[in-house]
Protein backbone atom coordinates (compact mmCIF):
# COMPACT_ATOMS: atom_id res chain seq x y z
CA MET A 1 170.17 151.77 145.30
CA ASP A 2 173.34 151.78 146.69
CA LEU A 3 173.59 149.40 149.53
CA ALA A 4 176.50 149.99 150.70
CA ALA A 5 176.20 153.65 151.15
CA LYS A 6 177.23 154.61 154.71
CA MET A 7 174.41 155.71 156.91
CA LEU A 8 175.19 157.95 160.01
CA ARG A 9 176.33 161.62 159.66
CA ASP A 10 180.43 162.21 160.33
CA ASN A 11 181.32 162.32 163.52
CA ALA A 12 178.18 160.14 165.14
CA LEU A 13 180.80 158.34 167.65
CA ALA A 14 183.42 160.74 168.52
CA ASP A 15 184.03 160.20 172.06
CA LYS A 16 183.40 157.17 172.06
CA VAL A 17 185.70 154.31 173.19
CA ILE A 18 183.98 150.52 171.94
CA VAL A 19 185.26 147.29 172.02
CA VAL A 20 184.76 144.48 169.08
CA THR A 21 185.17 141.49 170.07
CA GLY A 22 186.26 138.81 166.94
CA GLY A 23 186.98 142.28 165.19
CA GLY A 24 189.89 141.15 163.10
CA SER A 25 188.06 140.14 160.03
CA GLY A 26 184.66 139.21 158.43
CA LEU A 27 181.82 141.37 160.16
CA GLY A 28 183.77 142.05 162.55
CA LYS A 29 186.75 144.28 160.98
CA ALA A 30 183.36 145.74 158.29
CA MET A 31 182.10 147.30 161.90
CA THR A 32 184.67 148.24 163.43
CA LYS A 33 186.24 149.92 160.06
CA TYR A 34 182.17 151.99 160.38
CA PHE A 35 183.09 152.84 163.54
CA MET A 36 186.60 154.59 163.57
CA GLU A 37 185.09 157.23 160.56
CA LEU A 38 182.07 158.36 162.76
CA GLY A 39 185.01 158.86 165.17
CA ALA A 40 185.13 156.44 167.12
CA LYS A 41 188.08 154.62 169.14
CA VAL A 42 187.94 150.81 168.88
CA ALA A 43 189.53 148.18 170.61
CA ILE A 44 189.87 144.61 168.47
CA THR A 45 190.43 141.53 169.89
CA SER A 46 190.86 137.63 168.88
CA ARG A 47 193.34 135.06 169.77
CA ASP A 48 195.26 135.77 166.62
CA LEU A 49 197.51 138.77 168.01
CA GLU A 50 199.21 139.05 164.09
CA LYS A 51 196.02 139.15 162.36
CA LEU A 52 194.89 142.21 164.82
CA LYS A 53 197.63 143.96 164.04
CA ALA A 54 197.44 143.66 160.52
CA THR A 55 193.85 144.74 160.03
CA ALA A 56 194.22 147.28 163.08
CA GLN A 57 197.16 148.89 161.19
CA GLU A 58 195.20 148.53 157.32
CA LEU A 59 192.44 150.74 159.01
CA GLU A 60 193.68 153.41 161.08
CA THR A 61 195.41 154.02 157.76
CA GLU A 62 191.92 153.77 155.72
CA THR A 63 190.39 155.73 158.35
CA LYS A 64 192.96 157.75 159.70
CA GLY A 65 191.31 156.95 163.51
CA LYS A 66 192.08 154.96 166.12
CA CYS A 67 192.40 151.39 166.48
CA LEU A 68 193.90 149.20 169.44
CA ALA A 69 194.86 144.85 169.00
CA LEU A 70 194.67 143.22 171.51
CA GLN A 71 195.36 139.43 172.31
CA CYS A 72 192.58 138.24 174.13
CA ASP A 73 190.83 134.37 174.30
CA VAL A 74 187.39 135.48 175.89
CA ARG A 75 187.14 131.83 176.72
CA TYR A 76 188.52 132.97 180.48
CA TYR A 77 187.68 135.02 182.24
CA ASP A 78 191.17 136.30 183.60
CA GLN A 79 191.89 137.53 179.50
CA VAL A 80 189.12 139.40 179.33
CA GLU A 81 190.02 141.43 182.61
CA THR A 82 193.50 142.25 181.11
CA MET A 83 192.21 142.84 178.61
CA LEU A 84 189.67 145.81 179.67
CA ASP A 85 192.53 147.18 182.08
CA ASN A 86 194.55 147.69 178.62
CA VAL A 87 191.96 148.94 176.79
CA LEU A 88 191.60 151.41 179.51
CA LYS A 89 195.47 152.11 179.69
CA GLU A 90 195.18 153.45 176.28
CA TYR A 91 192.21 155.29 176.07
CA GLY A 92 190.98 156.06 179.47
CA LYS A 93 187.41 154.23 179.53
CA VAL A 94 185.10 152.16 177.55
CA ASP A 95 181.24 153.34 176.29
CA VAL A 96 180.42 150.14 174.38
CA LEU A 97 180.68 146.33 173.95
CA LEU A 98 179.58 144.50 171.16
CA ASN A 99 180.42 140.57 171.40
CA ASN A 100 180.85 139.82 168.05
CA ALA A 101 183.61 136.49 168.59
CA ALA A 102 181.45 133.28 167.55
CA GLY A 103 182.42 129.85 166.20
CA ASN A 104 179.81 127.55 164.17
CA PHE A 105 180.64 123.86 162.87
CA ILE A 106 177.39 122.43 160.61
CA SER A 107 177.46 119.05 161.02
CA PRO A 108 174.74 116.19 162.16
CA THR A 109 174.92 116.53 165.74
CA GLU A 110 175.48 112.74 166.56
CA ARG A 111 179.17 113.65 164.88
CA LEU A 112 179.64 115.99 166.81
CA SER A 113 182.70 115.17 169.93
CA ALA A 114 181.57 116.63 173.43
CA ASN A 115 184.38 118.95 173.32
CA ALA A 116 183.20 120.54 169.60
CA TRP A 117 179.89 120.91 171.16
CA ASP A 118 181.87 122.60 174.15
CA THR A 119 183.97 124.73 171.43
CA ILE A 120 180.78 126.19 170.13
CA ILE A 121 179.16 127.25 173.97
CA ASP A 122 182.37 128.65 175.90
CA ILE A 123 182.96 130.97 172.87
CA VAL A 124 179.79 132.07 172.52
CA LEU A 125 177.66 131.89 175.03
CA LYS A 126 180.91 131.50 177.86
CA GLY A 127 182.74 134.43 175.78
CA SER A 128 179.76 136.48 175.38
CA LYS A 129 179.16 136.06 179.22
CA ASN A 130 182.24 136.88 180.28
CA CYS A 131 182.68 139.55 178.74
CA THR A 132 179.37 141.05 179.62
CA LEU A 133 180.04 140.78 183.08
CA ALA A 134 183.55 142.54 183.11
CA PHE A 135 182.71 145.38 181.37
CA GLY A 136 179.51 145.23 183.05
CA LYS A 137 180.52 145.28 186.37
CA HIS A 138 183.94 148.03 185.73
CA TRP A 139 181.01 150.51 184.56
CA ILE A 140 178.36 149.68 187.77
CA ASP A 141 181.53 149.86 190.13
CA LYS A 142 182.93 153.77 188.64
CA LYS A 143 178.44 154.75 187.90
CA GLN A 144 179.71 155.21 184.41
CA THR A 145 176.03 156.07 181.90
CA ASN A 146 175.09 155.80 178.99
CA THR A 147 177.22 152.66 178.20
CA ASN A 148 175.65 150.05 176.71
CA ILE A 149 176.90 146.10 175.41
CA LEU A 150 175.20 144.62 171.52
CA ASN A 151 175.85 141.24 171.05
CA ILE A 152 175.56 139.74 167.60
CA VAL A 153 172.86 137.10 167.30
CA THR A 154 171.38 134.89 165.01
CA THR A 155 167.22 134.12 163.64
CA TYR A 156 167.85 130.35 164.53
CA ALA A 157 168.47 131.70 167.86
CA TRP A 158 164.52 131.82 168.41
CA THR A 159 163.63 128.82 165.99
CA GLY A 160 166.49 126.92 166.46
CA SER A 161 168.13 124.94 163.64
CA ALA A 162 168.96 121.46 162.54
CA TYR A 163 173.07 120.64 161.34
CA VAL A 164 174.17 124.19 164.31
CA VAL A 165 172.75 122.63 166.97
CA PRO A 166 175.21 124.58 169.46
CA SER A 167 175.29 127.47 168.31
CA ALA A 168 171.84 127.76 167.74
CA THR A 169 172.45 126.73 172.12
CA ALA A 170 174.36 129.52 172.95
CA LYS A 171 173.04 132.16 170.60
CA ALA A 172 169.64 131.22 172.39
CA GLY A 173 171.69 132.12 175.49
CA VAL A 174 172.52 134.83 174.79
CA LEU A 175 169.50 136.73 173.37
CA ALA A 176 167.89 135.84 176.37
CA MET A 177 171.31 137.30 178.22
CA THR A 178 170.54 140.43 176.49
CA ARG A 179 166.59 141.16 177.17
CA SER A 180 167.29 140.09 181.18
CA LEU A 181 170.25 142.83 181.06
CA ALA A 182 168.43 145.20 179.22
CA VAL A 183 165.80 145.36 182.47
CA GLU A 184 168.35 144.59 185.31
CA TRP A 185 171.28 147.36 184.27
CA ALA A 186 169.13 149.97 182.78
CA LYS A 187 168.84 151.82 186.02
CA TYR A 188 172.82 152.17 185.76
CA GLY A 189 173.12 153.31 182.36
CA ILE A 190 173.30 150.32 180.50
CA ARG A 191 171.69 149.49 177.30
CA THR A 192 171.61 145.37 176.31
CA ASN A 193 170.58 144.92 172.63
CA ALA A 194 171.06 142.16 170.56
CA ILE A 195 171.75 142.11 166.05
CA ALA A 196 170.35 138.82 164.05
CA PRO A 197 171.90 139.14 161.45
CA GLY A 198 170.82 136.50 158.15
CA PRO A 199 172.92 135.79 155.60
CA PHE A 200 175.93 138.05 155.76
CA PRO A 201 179.19 136.09 153.65
CA THR A 202 182.50 136.34 155.12
CA LYS A 203 185.20 134.39 152.95
CA GLY A 204 186.15 132.87 156.31
CA ALA A 205 183.53 131.80 158.11
CA TRP A 206 181.53 130.70 154.47
CA ASP A 207 184.26 128.98 153.64
CA ARG A 208 185.14 126.61 156.35
CA LEU A 209 181.72 126.33 156.79
CA LEU A 210 180.49 125.23 153.30
CA PRO A 211 183.83 124.71 151.58
CA GLY A 212 184.21 123.60 147.78
CA ASP A 213 181.56 123.92 145.40
CA LEU A 214 178.49 123.28 148.26
CA LYS A 215 178.24 126.74 148.40
CA GLU A 216 177.13 126.62 145.19
CA LYS A 217 175.07 123.72 145.73
CA PHE A 218 173.16 125.51 148.72
CA ASP A 219 172.48 129.16 147.86
CA LEU A 220 171.26 130.56 151.18
CA ALA A 221 170.78 133.52 149.02
CA LYS A 222 167.40 131.07 147.68
CA LYS A 223 165.91 130.83 150.56
CA VAL A 224 165.47 134.75 151.04
CA PRO A 225 162.54 136.48 149.65
CA LEU A 226 165.14 139.55 148.60
CA LYS A 227 166.94 137.07 146.97
CA ARG A 228 169.85 138.61 148.07
CA VAL A 229 172.64 138.24 150.47
CA GLY A 230 173.24 140.91 153.36
CA GLU A 231 176.49 143.77 151.82
CA HIS A 232 178.38 144.16 155.40
CA GLN A 233 177.85 148.40 154.77
CA GLU A 234 174.57 147.49 155.40
CA LEU A 235 175.40 145.21 159.00
CA ALA A 236 177.59 148.10 160.28
CA ASN A 237 174.59 150.71 159.84
CA LEU A 238 172.77 149.05 161.38
CA ALA A 239 174.97 148.03 164.48
CA ALA A 240 176.98 151.94 164.53
CA TYR A 241 172.84 153.08 165.21
CA LEU A 242 172.83 150.50 167.94
CA VAL A 243 175.79 152.38 169.47
CA SER A 244 174.77 155.47 169.22
CA ASP A 245 173.00 158.39 171.35
CA PHE A 246 170.30 158.30 168.29
CA SER A 247 169.44 154.95 170.13
CA ALA A 248 168.93 156.19 173.53
CA TYR A 249 165.46 154.74 174.10
CA VAL A 250 166.37 151.58 172.54
CA ASN A 251 166.95 149.20 174.93
CA GLY A 252 165.92 144.96 175.27
CA GLU A 253 165.72 144.83 170.96
CA VAL A 254 166.85 142.06 168.68
CA ILE A 255 166.58 143.42 165.77
CA THR A 256 166.65 141.64 162.19
CA ILE A 257 168.08 141.87 159.62
CA ASP A 258 168.31 139.04 157.01
CA GLY A 259 165.90 140.21 154.12
CA GLY A 260 163.40 138.36 156.09
CA GLU A 261 164.59 134.88 155.76
CA TRP A 262 163.88 133.29 158.47
CA LEU A 263 159.61 134.25 158.32
CA GLN A 264 159.76 132.36 155.41
CA GLY A 265 161.49 129.49 156.88
CA ALA A 266 162.84 128.79 160.22
CA GLY A 267 166.44 126.80 160.96
CA GLN A 268 168.95 129.20 158.96
CA PHE A 269 170.43 125.75 157.86
CA ASN A 270 167.73 123.43 158.13
CA LEU A 271 167.90 122.62 154.42
CA LEU A 272 170.91 120.57 154.89
CA GLU A 273 168.49 117.68 155.22
CA ALA A 274 168.89 117.11 151.27
CA ILE A 275 172.58 116.28 152.44
CA PRO A 276 173.06 111.99 152.22
CA THR A 277 175.59 111.06 154.41
CA GLU A 278 178.30 110.58 151.90
CA LEU A 279 178.36 113.70 151.25
CA TRP A 280 178.71 114.27 155.29
CA ASP A 281 181.94 112.43 155.07
CA MET A 282 183.03 114.34 151.92
CA LEU A 283 182.17 117.91 153.99
CA GLU A 284 183.73 116.35 156.69
CA ALA A 285 187.13 115.68 155.57
CA MET A 286 187.21 119.08 153.83
CA ILE A 287 186.87 121.20 156.86
CA LYS A 288 188.96 119.20 158.54
CA SER A 289 191.14 119.99 155.29
CA LYS A 290 191.08 124.06 156.06
CA GLY A 291 191.26 123.52 159.51
CA ASN A 292 194.83 121.54 159.54
CA LYS A 293 196.13 125.09 157.54
């Protein structure tokens, strides 16, 4: 079976304009590429404009589609409004918001500073709120229907998970927002759904979370009943379906794509209970050294 096979027909997203926050790398980049292959015009955002521009150029070359790179720190509502204005100037409209920007720390909670906790809450929960509110207000004001919001959450949004408590807290808030707005905003023609991915390793994120040989010591594939991690295209397939008109009757759902991981054991990072204090010291030092590069 080809796990990297593409699911939807050509032009399934033709005439769609999609904004992907955190679209410069990893899963955001994988989803953006597939959206473009299916005919969508995409705008990708993050704080790192140079990285975004490189990604946009690469994807345009590979797909022959259109990708707009826009610097935006989703923690600040005024920057989100400016980003939305720039998308409208370039494309004339926007149909889909994909809240993908995220941040995370793997750490015993008592080791985290208040600022570290706030950083994750601000990016994940406040950032998703800022984008959702700005785009929702625009669509409602313009009476634009057949729009939708897709949020990337995680299975520990409902189970909780040790050692990623700020992320679990923030993602739980995003999940509650998803389900609440699916009811409240449906009358405006806005659908709101979420995806909860299991392990889909990306070099940047997973190297920061589990540096050095920790990826081997704590092989998350061993926690998945299917005994493997996800392929990026599998997530892109699901995301493309949920932002397409083929899913027009799907609203307020969170779809899990994790190979059965959360059913086997709640809390994706609970296994880190096995890490002794000395190893946490080493882990913290490695993470800080990577962050300073």
